[in-house]
Amino acid sequence: MHRLSIGELRQGLLKKEFTAVELTRVFLDRIEKNKHLNAFITVCADMALDAAKQSDCRIAEGRAEELEGIPLAIKDMFLTKGIRTTAGSKMLNNFIPPYESTVSGKLLEAGAVCLGKTNMDEFAMGSTNLTSYYGGVINPWSSEKKLVSGGSSGGSAAAVAMSLCAAATGSDTGGSVRQPAAFCGIVGLKPTYGRCSRYGMVAFASSLDQAGVMARSVRDAAIVLRVISGYDNRDSTSAKEVVPDFEASVGQSVRGLRVGVPREYRVDGMSEEIVRFWEKGAAFLRDAGAEIVEVSLPYTKYALPTYYVIAPSEASSNLARYDGVRYGFRANGISLNEMYENTRSDGFGEEVKRRILIGTYVLSAGYYGAYYIRALKVRKLIRQDFASAFQKVDILLVPTTPSSAFAIGEEPKDPVTMYLNDVFTVPASIAGLPGISVPIGLDEQQRPLGLQLITTHFNEELLIRVGSVLEEAACFPCLKDVV
């Protein structure tokens, strides 16, 4: 039952083959049996079972909504009314939000059952899910070694991969949906910036943060995306765009489409296996009738430094609200200034403090023009790069990560080396473009690898269309067949 797709679960519930309560209990049992993965910070067993009972009533009365009775997980970045929301930080360890985020609210309105809040890198800052105050998440593809699940949405990725939920929300600032999806062998979809409301999301970098979907198939991701998309007048960056039936794009032909392969994404140090699977993915699409075209994105090499100027700058501003006065963790101090210092020193982890310091430095009077303003100019050039490429092609095919998941304890210790892990995901985030990571195969160590598709703004339908063809051709093995 827990391995069924969202569509199959919907049919089973509507045909009364099983109840929402029975289904929810199956997932809760799996969460309990797999606590060692540390995928969840908070499990809402009683609330989930109560919600499932209500779903069974609505199904019996013929009032079922789109996700009625489907057990989902919510990344702990989204505020959930009455349910602890920590953003993976000591700073918010006991924070109970008084209101619901738009994304989680839309899922609940659609009848979804919230199983709990998934683990994440603290304030979404990280690529391993090892910066969480609540401990690291273990990738369920681990065999001999414990692998990182990726970040920052590593808890959601691990939960979906291990079938601890039918699907999960994630947030993507520089690749935090796509990168862990690739590491855990699932689908990770980052929509266009503005497609989903940011209202009620704990802010990291406001011009980059976007809600996303993590699922076991492109179809499942499309179903959830339609529910969480749409304009929200409470979010000034929310776009007034029509929300199409994304699921209808699954399985459509790609014949005649032009698929771009950017030469600049062949970077030093990337795995030869990644290159081989990239070429294999291009061959899959060529065999399906698409035309493969080499394109150039010359400013790609500046995307990572641009991101690590803009994102920490916005983070230093957003995280200034955590001062120990209004809400969250508070440390003692004999003066107001000492209380501020102690609160922020004790409440934030090392990675968060590092990025706050970088951002504060960049925004200081002597360096604002030299770094931040220059980064904004380069960001515009990166957007123009993509615009030029999309005059020649319909969609881009690139690797999601430069390597497969690394073992816990063997991850790069140098922060700059760690940041290079986002080299393929950051450019689309900088440009606000939609992207999807689809599992393409296993490397020699039996670790998942993913390929990423990127296309024009608000063209998620094309992502889903091409992604589903790539998914079908790849025949990626189910986790239970490998581990």
Protein backbone atom coordinates (compact mmCIF):
# COMPACT_ATOMS: atom_id res chain seq x y z
CA MET A 1 0.00 0.00 0.00
CA HIS A 2 2.76 2.46 0.95
CA ARG A 3 4.53 1.91 -2.41
CA LEU A 4 1.50 2.95 -4.46
CA SER A 5 1.50 6.24 -6.37
CA ILE A 6 -0.72 9.12 -5.32
CA GLY A 7 -3.08 8.31 -8.17
CA GLU A 8 -3.31 4.67 -7.09
CA LEU A 9 -3.85 5.68 -3.47
CA ARG A 10 -6.65 8.03 -4.53
CA GLN A 11 -8.36 5.26 -6.46
CA GLY A 12 -7.98 2.81 -3.58
CA LEU A 13 -9.54 5.28 -1.15
CA LEU A 14 -12.44 6.16 -3.44
CA LYS A 15 -13.14 2.49 -4.20
CA LYS A 16 -13.09 1.73 -0.44
CA GLU A 17 -10.28 -0.80 -0.87
CA PHE A 18 -8.79 0.69 2.30
CA THR A 19 -9.59 3.65 4.52
CA ALA A 20 -7.62 6.83 5.07
CA VAL A 21 -7.11 5.78 8.68
CA GLU A 22 -5.66 2.42 7.62
CA LEU A 23 -3.44 4.16 5.09
CA THR A 24 -2.22 6.71 7.62
CA ARG A 25 -1.42 3.98 10.15
CA VAL A 26 0.71 2.19 7.54
CA PHE A 27 2.81 5.30 7.01
CA LEU A 28 3.05 6.10 10.72
CA ASP A 29 4.26 2.54 11.36
CA ARG A 30 6.94 2.95 8.71
CA ILE A 31 8.05 6.25 10.23
CA GLU A 32 8.39 4.55 13.63
CA LYS A 33 10.34 1.62 12.17
CA ASN A 34 12.72 3.96 10.35
CA LYS A 35 13.42 6.48 13.11
CA HIS A 36 17.14 5.82 12.61
CA LEU A 37 16.98 7.84 9.38
CA ASN A 38 16.09 10.93 11.45
CA ALA A 39 13.91 12.16 8.57
CA PHE A 40 11.31 13.81 10.85
CA ILE A 41 11.72 16.46 13.54
CA THR A 42 8.07 16.26 14.62
CA VAL A 43 5.61 13.42 13.98
CA CYS A 44 1.91 14.33 14.35
CA ALA A 45 0.43 10.86 14.83
CA ASP A 46 -2.75 11.80 16.71
CA MET A 47 -3.49 14.81 14.51
CA ALA A 48 -2.86 12.73 11.39
CA LEU A 49 -5.26 10.00 12.49
CA ASP A 50 -7.93 12.60 13.35
CA ALA A 51 -7.49 14.18 9.91
CA ALA A 52 -7.72 10.74 8.29
CA LYS A 53 -11.02 10.06 10.08
CA GLN A 54 -12.40 13.31 8.69
CA SER A 55 -11.22 12.30 5.22
CA ASP A 56 -13.04 8.97 5.51
CA CYS A 57 -16.21 10.86 6.39
CA ARG A 58 -15.89 13.16 3.39
CA ILE A 59 -15.17 10.21 1.09
CA ALA A 60 -18.24 8.39 2.39
CA GLU A 61 -20.34 11.50 1.76
CA GLY A 62 -18.97 11.96 -1.76
CA ARG A 63 -17.17 15.20 -0.88
CA ALA A 64 -13.58 14.03 -1.46
CA GLU A 65 -11.04 16.70 -2.41
CA GLU A 66 -8.10 16.24 -4.76
CA LEU A 67 -5.67 14.83 -2.16
CA GLU A 68 -8.30 13.43 0.19
CA GLY A 69 -6.72 11.07 2.70
CA ILE A 70 -3.25 11.13 1.11
CA PRO A 71 -0.52 11.14 3.81
CA LEU A 72 2.11 13.81 3.11
CA ALA A 73 5.06 15.31 4.98
CA ILE A 74 5.83 19.02 5.35
CA LYS A 75 9.35 20.41 5.45
CA ASP A 76 9.91 22.17 8.77
CA MET A 77 10.40 25.43 6.83
CA PHE A 78 6.63 25.90 6.44
CA LEU A 79 4.61 27.31 9.32
CA THR A 80 1.92 24.91 10.50
CA LYS A 81 -0.70 26.28 12.87
CA GLY A 82 -0.50 24.56 16.24
CA ILE A 83 2.39 22.31 15.15
CA ARG A 84 5.96 23.10 16.15
CA THR A 85 8.00 24.68 13.34
CA THR A 86 11.76 24.84 13.95
CA ALA A 87 13.48 25.41 10.58
CA GLY A 88 16.01 22.90 11.92
CA SER A 89 17.30 25.43 14.45
CA LYS A 90 17.68 25.71 18.21
CA MET A 91 16.49 29.29 17.74
CA LEU A 92 12.95 28.03 17.01
CA ASN A 93 13.04 24.86 19.08
CA ASN A 94 9.74 25.55 20.87
CA PHE A 95 8.03 27.83 18.34
CA ILE A 96 4.35 27.01 17.73
CA PRO A 97 3.05 29.13 14.82
CA PRO A 98 -0.30 30.91 15.27
CA TYR A 99 -1.11 30.63 11.54
CA GLU A 100 -0.68 28.33 8.55
CA SER A 101 1.57 28.82 5.53
CA THR A 102 -0.21 29.09 2.19
CA VAL A 103 1.45 25.97 0.79
CA SER A 104 0.62 23.68 3.73
CA GLY A 105 -2.82 25.30 3.99
CA LYS A 106 -3.58 24.45 0.36
CA LEU A 107 -2.57 20.83 0.96
CA LEU A 108 -4.82 20.59 4.01
CA GLU A 109 -7.72 22.19 2.10
CA ALA A 110 -7.20 19.54 -0.60
CA GLY A 111 -7.72 16.83 2.03
CA ALA A 112 -4.09 15.79 2.55
CA VAL A 113 -3.12 14.25 5.88
CA CYS A 114 -0.04 15.84 7.48
CA LEU A 115 2.13 13.11 9.02
CA GLY A 116 4.67 15.53 10.45
CA LYS A 117 7.50 17.98 9.84
CA THR A 118 10.66 16.79 8.10
CA ASN A 119 14.23 17.46 9.12
CA MET A 120 16.31 20.04 7.27
CA ASP A 121 19.56 21.97 7.31
CA GLU A 122 19.27 24.85 9.76
CA PHE A 123 17.34 27.70 8.14
CA ALA A 124 17.81 25.82 4.83
CA MET A 125 21.54 26.58 4.84
CA GLY A 126 23.44 23.48 3.75
CA SER A 127 23.85 20.77 1.15
CA THR A 128 24.01 17.71 3.41
CA ASN A 129 21.27 17.99 6.07
CA LEU A 130 24.08 17.77 8.62
CA THR A 131 23.69 21.36 9.87
CA SER A 132 20.33 20.62 11.54
CA TYR A 133 20.17 21.22 15.29
CA TYR A 134 18.27 17.91 15.46
CA GLY A 135 21.04 15.85 13.89
CA GLY A 136 21.78 14.69 10.38
CA VAL A 137 19.46 12.72 8.11
CA ILE A 138 20.64 9.37 6.79
CA ASN A 139 20.06 8.62 3.13
CA PRO A 140 17.96 5.42 2.89
CA TRP A 141 20.12 4.26 -0.03
CA SER A 142 22.86 3.61 2.52
CA SER A 143 24.24 0.09 2.45
CA GLU A 144 27.75 -0.32 3.83
CA LYS A 145 28.22 3.37 4.62
CA LYS A 146 25.83 5.98 5.96
CA LEU A 147 25.28 8.53 3.19
CA VAL A 148 24.16 12.14 3.42
CA SER A 149 20.64 12.77 2.13
CA GLY A 150 21.51 16.16 0.63
CA GLY A 151 20.19 19.51 1.68
CA SER A 152 18.51 21.47 2.72
CA SER A 153 15.36 19.36 2.12
CA GLY A 154 17.11 16.14 3.06
CA GLY A 155 14.45 15.00 5.52
CA SER A 156 11.74 15.24 2.88
CA ALA A 157 13.94 13.47 0.33
CA ALA A 158 14.73 10.59 2.67
CA ALA A 159 11.09 10.28 3.77
CA VAL A 160 9.84 10.07 0.19
CA ALA A 161 12.58 7.66 -0.91
CA MET A 162 11.85 5.31 2.00
CA SER A 163 8.07 5.59 1.49
CA LEU A 164 7.49 7.22 4.86
CA CYS A 165 5.00 9.50 3.08
CA ALA A 166 3.34 9.64 -0.33
CA ALA A 167 5.10 12.93 -1.16
CA ALA A 168 6.57 15.90 0.67
CA THR A 169 7.11 19.62 0.38
CA GLY A 170 10.56 21.10 0.11
CA SER A 171 11.98 24.58 -0.34
CA ASP A 172 14.55 25.46 -2.97
CA THR A 173 16.80 28.52 -2.66
CA GLY A 174 19.84 27.32 -4.57
CA GLY A 175 18.98 23.68 -5.21
CA SER A 176 17.55 22.45 -1.93
CA VAL A 177 14.80 20.40 -3.62
CA ARG A 178 16.70 19.16 -6.66
CA GLN A 179 20.03 18.21 -5.06
CA PRO A 180 18.65 15.98 -2.25
CA ALA A 181 16.20 14.48 -4.74
CA ALA A 182 19.15 13.40 -6.89
CA PHE A 183 21.02 12.03 -3.87
CA CYS A 184 17.99 10.01 -2.73
CA GLY A 185 16.79 8.75 -6.11
CA ILE A 186 13.47 10.61 -6.27
CA VAL A 187 11.89 13.44 -8.28
CA GLY A 188 12.43 17.00 -7.06
CA LEU A 189 10.53 19.84 -8.74
CA LYS A 190 11.34 23.52 -8.18
CA PRO A 191 8.67 25.68 -9.82
CA THR A 192 9.19 29.16 -11.23
CA TYR A 193 9.85 31.81 -8.60
CA GLY A 194 6.40 33.20 -7.82
CA ARG A 195 4.43 30.11 -8.88
CA CYS A 196 3.86 29.11 -5.22
CA SER A 197 3.28 31.54 -2.39
CA ARG A 198 6.09 32.17 0.09
CA TYR A 199 3.60 33.32 2.76
CA GLY A 200 4.34 31.39 5.93
CA MET A 201 7.72 30.08 4.78
CA VAL A 202 10.59 30.77 7.18
CA ALA A 203 12.71 33.17 5.13
CA PHE A 204 16.28 32.45 4.06
CA ALA A 205 16.87 34.54 0.92
CA SER A 206 13.63 36.21 -0.15
CA SER A 207 14.47 36.76 -3.82
CA LEU A 208 15.42 33.10 -4.23
CA ASP A 209 13.25 31.01 -1.85
CA GLN A 210 10.58 28.93 -3.57
CA ALA A 211 8.41 26.06 -2.39
CA GLY A 212 8.84 22.78 -4.23
CA VAL A 213 7.65 19.18 -4.41
CA MET A 214 9.44 15.91 -3.70
CA ALA A 215 7.82 12.71 -4.93
CA ARG A 216 8.60 9.24 -6.22
CA SER A 217 7.42 9.99 -9.75
CA VAL A 218 6.96 12.93 -12.11
CA ARG A 219 3.21 12.31 -12.12
CA ASP A 220 2.98 12.49 -8.33
CA ALA A 221 5.01 15.72 -8.35
CA ALA A 222 2.65 17.18 -10.96
CA ILE A 223 -0.42 16.33 -8.86
CA VAL A 224 0.95 18.03 -5.74
CA LEU A 225 2.28 21.03 -7.68
CA ARG A 226 -1.16 21.85 -9.02
CA VAL A 227 -2.55 21.95 -5.48
CA ILE A 228 0.11 24.24 -4.00
CA SER A 229 0.35 26.64 -6.97
CA GLY A 230 -1.57 29.87 -7.43
CA TYR A 231 -1.66 33.58 -6.67
CA ASP A 232 -1.71 34.74 -3.06
CA ASN A 233 -2.31 38.41 -2.26
CA ARG A 234 -0.45 37.96 1.03
CA ASP A 235 2.80 37.44 -0.90
CA SER A 236 3.98 40.38 -2.99
CA THR A 237 6.15 38.08 -5.12
CA SER A 238 3.26 35.71 -5.94
CA ALA A 239 2.46 35.67 -9.67
CA LYS A 240 -1.01 36.04 -11.17
CA GLU A 241 -0.58 33.08 -13.50
CA VAL A 242 -3.16 30.50 -14.52
CA VAL A 243 -2.54 27.13 -12.86
CA PRO A 244 -2.80 24.42 -15.53
CA ASP A 245 -3.49 20.72 -15.08
CA PHE A 246 0.15 19.70 -14.79
CA GLU A 247 -0.72 16.00 -14.63
CA ALA A 248 -2.11 16.16 -18.16
CA SER A 249 1.43 16.78 -19.48
CA VAL A 250 2.71 13.41 -18.24
CA GLY A 251 3.53 11.07 -21.09
CA GLN A 252 3.04 13.58 -23.89
CA SER A 253 5.39 13.24 -26.86
CA VAL A 254 8.65 15.21 -27.02
CA ARG A 255 8.97 14.76 -30.77
CA GLY A 256 10.23 17.93 -32.40
CA LEU A 257 11.40 19.58 -29.17
CA ARG A 258 14.87 21.12 -29.11
CA VAL A 259 16.83 20.06 -26.03
CA GLY A 260 19.86 22.17 -25.17
CA VAL A 261 23.06 20.76 -23.68
CA PRO A 262 25.17 23.64 -22.29
CA ARG A 263 28.90 23.12 -22.76
CA GLU A 264 29.69 25.16 -19.63
CA TYR A 265 28.15 22.50 -17.39
CA ARG A 266 31.13 20.22 -18.08
CA VAL A 267 33.12 21.34 -15.06
CA ASP A 268 36.40 20.14 -13.59
CA GLY A 269 36.05 17.44 -10.95
CA MET A 270 32.64 16.12 -12.00
CA SER A 271 32.24 12.37 -11.99
CA GLU A 272 32.80 10.50 -15.25
CA GLU A 273 29.69 8.52 -14.43
CA ILE A 274 27.69 11.75 -14.32
CA VAL A 275 28.97 12.61 -17.81
CA ARG A 276 28.09 9.13 -19.05
CA PHE A 277 24.53 9.30 -17.67
CA TRP A 278 24.15 12.85 -19.03
CA GLU A 279 24.97 11.54 -22.50
CA LYS A 280 22.64 8.60 -21.90
CA GLY A 281 19.79 10.98 -20.95
CA ALA A 282 20.35 12.99 -24.12
CA ALA A 283 20.24 9.75 -26.12
CA PHE A 284 16.93 8.79 -24.46
CA LEU A 285 15.37 12.08 -25.54
CA ARG A 286 16.88 11.85 -29.03
CA ASP A 287 15.41 8.36 -29.42
CA ALA A 288 12.03 9.79 -28.35
CA GLY A 289 12.14 12.29 -31.21
CA ALA A 290 13.76 15.35 -29.65
CA GLU A 291 16.63 17.23 -31.24
CA ILE A 292 19.77 17.64 -29.10
CA VAL A 293 21.47 21.02 -29.55
CA GLU A 294 24.66 22.24 -27.92
CA VAL A 295 24.27 25.72 -26.45
CA SER A 296 26.43 28.16 -24.52
CA LEU A 297 25.73 29.84 -21.19
CA PRO A 298 28.96 31.83 -20.76
CA TYR A 299 28.10 33.42 -17.42
CA THR A 300 27.46 30.06 -15.74
CA LYS A 301 30.88 30.17 -14.08
CA TYR A 302 29.82 33.30 -12.18
CA ALA A 303 26.54 31.85 -10.86
CA LEU A 304 27.96 30.25 -7.71
CA PRO A 305 29.91 33.31 -6.47
CA THR A 306 26.92 35.49 -7.34
CA TYR A 307 24.63 33.26 -5.30
CA TYR A 308 26.98 33.25 -2.31
CA VAL A 309 26.94 37.04 -2.27
CA ILE A 310 23.19 37.55 -2.72
CA ALA A 311 21.86 34.68 -0.54
CA PRO A 312 23.95 35.44 2.60
CA SER A 313 23.16 39.15 2.23
CA GLU A 314 19.43 38.48 2.24
CA ALA A 315 19.86 35.93 5.03
CA SER A 316 21.68 38.39 7.27
CA SER A 317 18.74 40.76 6.88
CA ASN A 318 16.02 38.12 7.32
CA LEU A 319 17.62 36.51 10.36
CA ALA A 320 18.00 39.82 12.19
CA ARG A 321 14.49 39.22 13.58
CA TYR A 322 15.81 36.43 15.83
CA ASP A 323 17.02 38.60 18.68
CA GLY A 324 15.63 36.78 21.71
CA VAL A 325 13.03 39.48 22.36
CA ARG A 326 9.97 38.78 20.22
CA TYR A 327 9.91 34.98 19.93
CA GLY A 328 12.17 31.97 19.83
CA PHE A 329 15.19 31.07 21.93
CA ARG A 330 16.53 33.61 24.45
CA ALA A 331 19.83 33.41 26.33
CA ASN A 332 20.57 35.27 29.52
CA GLY A 333 22.64 38.45 29.66
CA ILE A 334 23.33 41.22 32.16
CA SER A 335 22.56 43.86 29.50
CA LEU A 336 20.39 44.07 26.41
CA ASN A 337 23.41 43.89 24.10
CA GLU A 338 24.82 40.90 25.95
CA MET A 339 21.45 39.14 25.73
CA TYR A 340 21.42 39.78 21.95
CA GLU A 341 24.97 38.44 21.59
CA ASN A 342 24.37 35.35 23.72
CA THR A 343 21.05 34.56 22.03
CA ARG A 344 22.44 34.70 18.50
CA SER A 345 25.68 32.96 19.46
CA ASP A 346 23.93 30.07 21.22
CA GLY A 347 20.79 29.93 19.07
CA PHE A 348 22.42 29.71 15.64
CA GLY A 349 24.66 26.92 14.35
CA GLU A 350 28.06 27.42 12.76
CA GLU A 351 26.89 27.45 9.13
CA VAL A 352 24.14 29.99 9.82
CA LYS A 353 26.55 32.26 11.71
CA ARG A 354 29.05 31.96 8.86
CA ARG A 355 26.49 33.10 6.29
CA ILE A 356 25.20 35.92 8.50
CA LEU A 357 28.75 37.21 8.85
CA ILE A 358 29.36 36.97 5.09
CA GLY A 359 26.10 38.80 4.37
CA THR A 360 26.74 41.50 6.95
CA TYR A 361 30.21 42.08 5.53
CA VAL A 362 28.91 42.29 1.95
CA LEU A 363 26.18 44.78 2.92
CA SER A 364 28.51 47.00 4.97
CA ALA A 365 29.11 50.55 3.79
CA GLY A 366 32.56 49.90 2.37
CA TYR A 367 31.69 46.78 0.36
CA TYR A 368 28.04 47.12 -0.70
CA GLY A 369 28.90 48.50 -4.13
CA ALA A 370 31.93 46.29 -4.67
CA TYR A 371 30.10 43.02 -3.93
CA TYR A 372 26.31 43.20 -3.63
CA ILE A 373 25.57 45.65 -6.45
CA ARG A 374 28.03 43.87 -8.70
CA ALA A 375 26.40 40.52 -7.90
CA LEU A 376 22.99 41.92 -8.90
CA LYS A 377 24.47 43.03 -12.24
CA VAL A 378 25.92 39.57 -12.86
CA ARG A 379 22.56 38.04 -11.91
CA LYS A 380 20.99 40.04 -14.76
CA LEU A 381 23.62 38.71 -17.18
CA ILE A 382 22.91 35.13 -16.07
CA ARG A 383 19.21 35.68 -16.76
CA GLN A 384 20.09 37.06 -20.20
CA ASP A 385 22.23 33.96 -20.83
CA PHE A 386 19.20 31.73 -20.31
CA ALA A 387 16.97 34.00 -22.39
CA SER A 388 19.40 33.77 -25.30
CA ALA A 389 19.65 29.99 -25.00
CA PHE A 390 15.86 29.62 -24.98
CA GLN A 391 15.68 31.40 -28.32
CA LYS A 392 17.46 28.36 -29.74
CA VAL A 393 16.05 25.53 -27.62
CA ASP A 394 12.91 24.68 -25.68
CA ILE A 395 14.49 23.10 -22.62
CA LEU A 396 17.92 22.38 -21.13
CA LEU A 397 19.27 19.02 -19.96
CA VAL A 398 22.07 19.17 -17.36
CA PRO A 399 23.35 17.12 -14.42
CA THR A 400 21.77 17.82 -11.04
CA THR A 401 24.92 17.26 -8.98
CA PRO A 402 28.62 16.82 -9.80
CA SER A 403 28.70 13.50 -7.90
CA SER A 404 26.50 11.01 -6.06
CA ALA A 405 25.87 11.26 -2.31
CA PHE A 406 28.99 11.08 -0.17
CA ALA A 407 29.37 9.21 3.08
CA ILE A 408 28.75 10.95 6.40
CA GLY A 409 32.16 11.81 7.79
CA GLU A 410 33.68 11.98 4.31
CA GLU A 411 31.94 15.17 3.24
CA PRO A 412 34.15 18.16 2.32
CA LYS A 413 35.23 20.02 5.46
CA ASP A 414 36.12 23.22 3.63
CA PRO A 415 32.93 25.35 3.28
CA VAL A 416 33.91 26.63 -0.18
CA THR A 417 34.40 23.08 -1.46
CA MET A 418 31.03 22.15 0.01
CA TYR A 419 29.37 25.11 -1.74
CA LEU A 420 30.60 23.74 -5.09
CA ASN A 421 28.06 20.97 -4.64
CA ASP A 422 25.40 23.46 -5.81
CA VAL A 423 27.20 24.35 -9.03
CA PHE A 424 24.50 22.87 -11.33
CA THR A 425 21.40 23.93 -9.38
CA VAL A 426 22.23 27.54 -8.49
CA PRO A 427 22.00 29.05 -12.03
CA ALA A 428 18.29 28.25 -12.43
CA SER A 429 17.61 29.68 -8.96
CA ILE A 430 19.49 32.88 -9.78
CA ALA A 431 17.30 33.28 -12.89
CA GLY A 432 14.05 32.26 -11.13
CA LEU A 433 13.53 29.44 -13.64
CA PRO A 434 11.69 26.15 -13.01
CA GLY A 435 13.72 22.97 -12.79
CA ILE A 436 13.13 19.30 -12.12
CA SER A 437 15.56 16.54 -11.11
CA VAL A 438 14.74 13.06 -12.37
CA PRO A 439 16.65 9.93 -11.22
CA ILE A 440 18.59 8.54 -14.15
CA GLY A 441 20.54 5.58 -12.75
CA LEU A 442 22.92 4.17 -10.14
CA ASP A 443 26.68 4.65 -10.12
CA GLU A 444 29.19 1.86 -9.51
CA GLN A 445 28.63 2.20 -5.75
CA GLN A 446 24.87 1.74 -6.23
CA ARG A 447 24.18 5.38 -5.34
CA PRO A 448 21.52 7.37 -7.23
CA LEU A 449 22.35 9.97 -9.88
CA GLY A 450 19.94 12.55 -11.28
CA LEU A 451 19.56 14.70 -14.36
CA GLN A 452 18.00 18.12 -14.31
CA LEU A 453 15.70 19.82 -16.79
CA ILE A 454 15.39 23.64 -16.90
CA THR A 455 13.00 25.67 -19.02
CA THR A 456 11.38 29.10 -19.36
CA HIS A 457 9.37 30.88 -16.66
CA PHE A 458 5.98 29.34 -15.82
CA ASN A 459 6.49 26.47 -18.24
CA GLU A 460 6.35 23.66 -15.69
CA GLU A 461 4.10 21.75 -18.09
CA LEU A 462 7.09 21.28 -20.42
CA LEU A 463 9.30 20.19 -17.52
CA ILE A 464 6.76 17.53 -16.57
CA ARG A 465 6.27 16.46 -20.18
CA VAL A 466 9.98 15.93 -20.86
CA GLY A 467 10.69 14.68 -17.34
CA SER A 468 8.11 11.91 -17.64
CA VAL A 469 9.65 10.72 -20.92
CA LEU A 470 13.12 10.72 -19.36
CA GLU A 471 11.76 8.90 -16.31
CA GLU A 472 10.12 6.17 -18.40
CA ALA A 473 13.24 5.62 -20.49
CA ALA A 474 15.55 5.47 -17.45
CA CYS A 475 13.52 2.73 -15.67
CA PHE A 476 15.11 3.77 -12.38
CA PRO A 477 14.98 0.92 -9.84
CA CYS A 478 12.76 1.15 -6.78
CA LEU A 479 14.64 1.49 -3.48
CA LYS A 480 13.30 -1.85 -2.23
CA ASP A 481 14.91 -3.58 -5.23
CA VAL A 482 18.37 -2.30 -4.29
CA VAL A 483 18.60 -1.93 -0.49
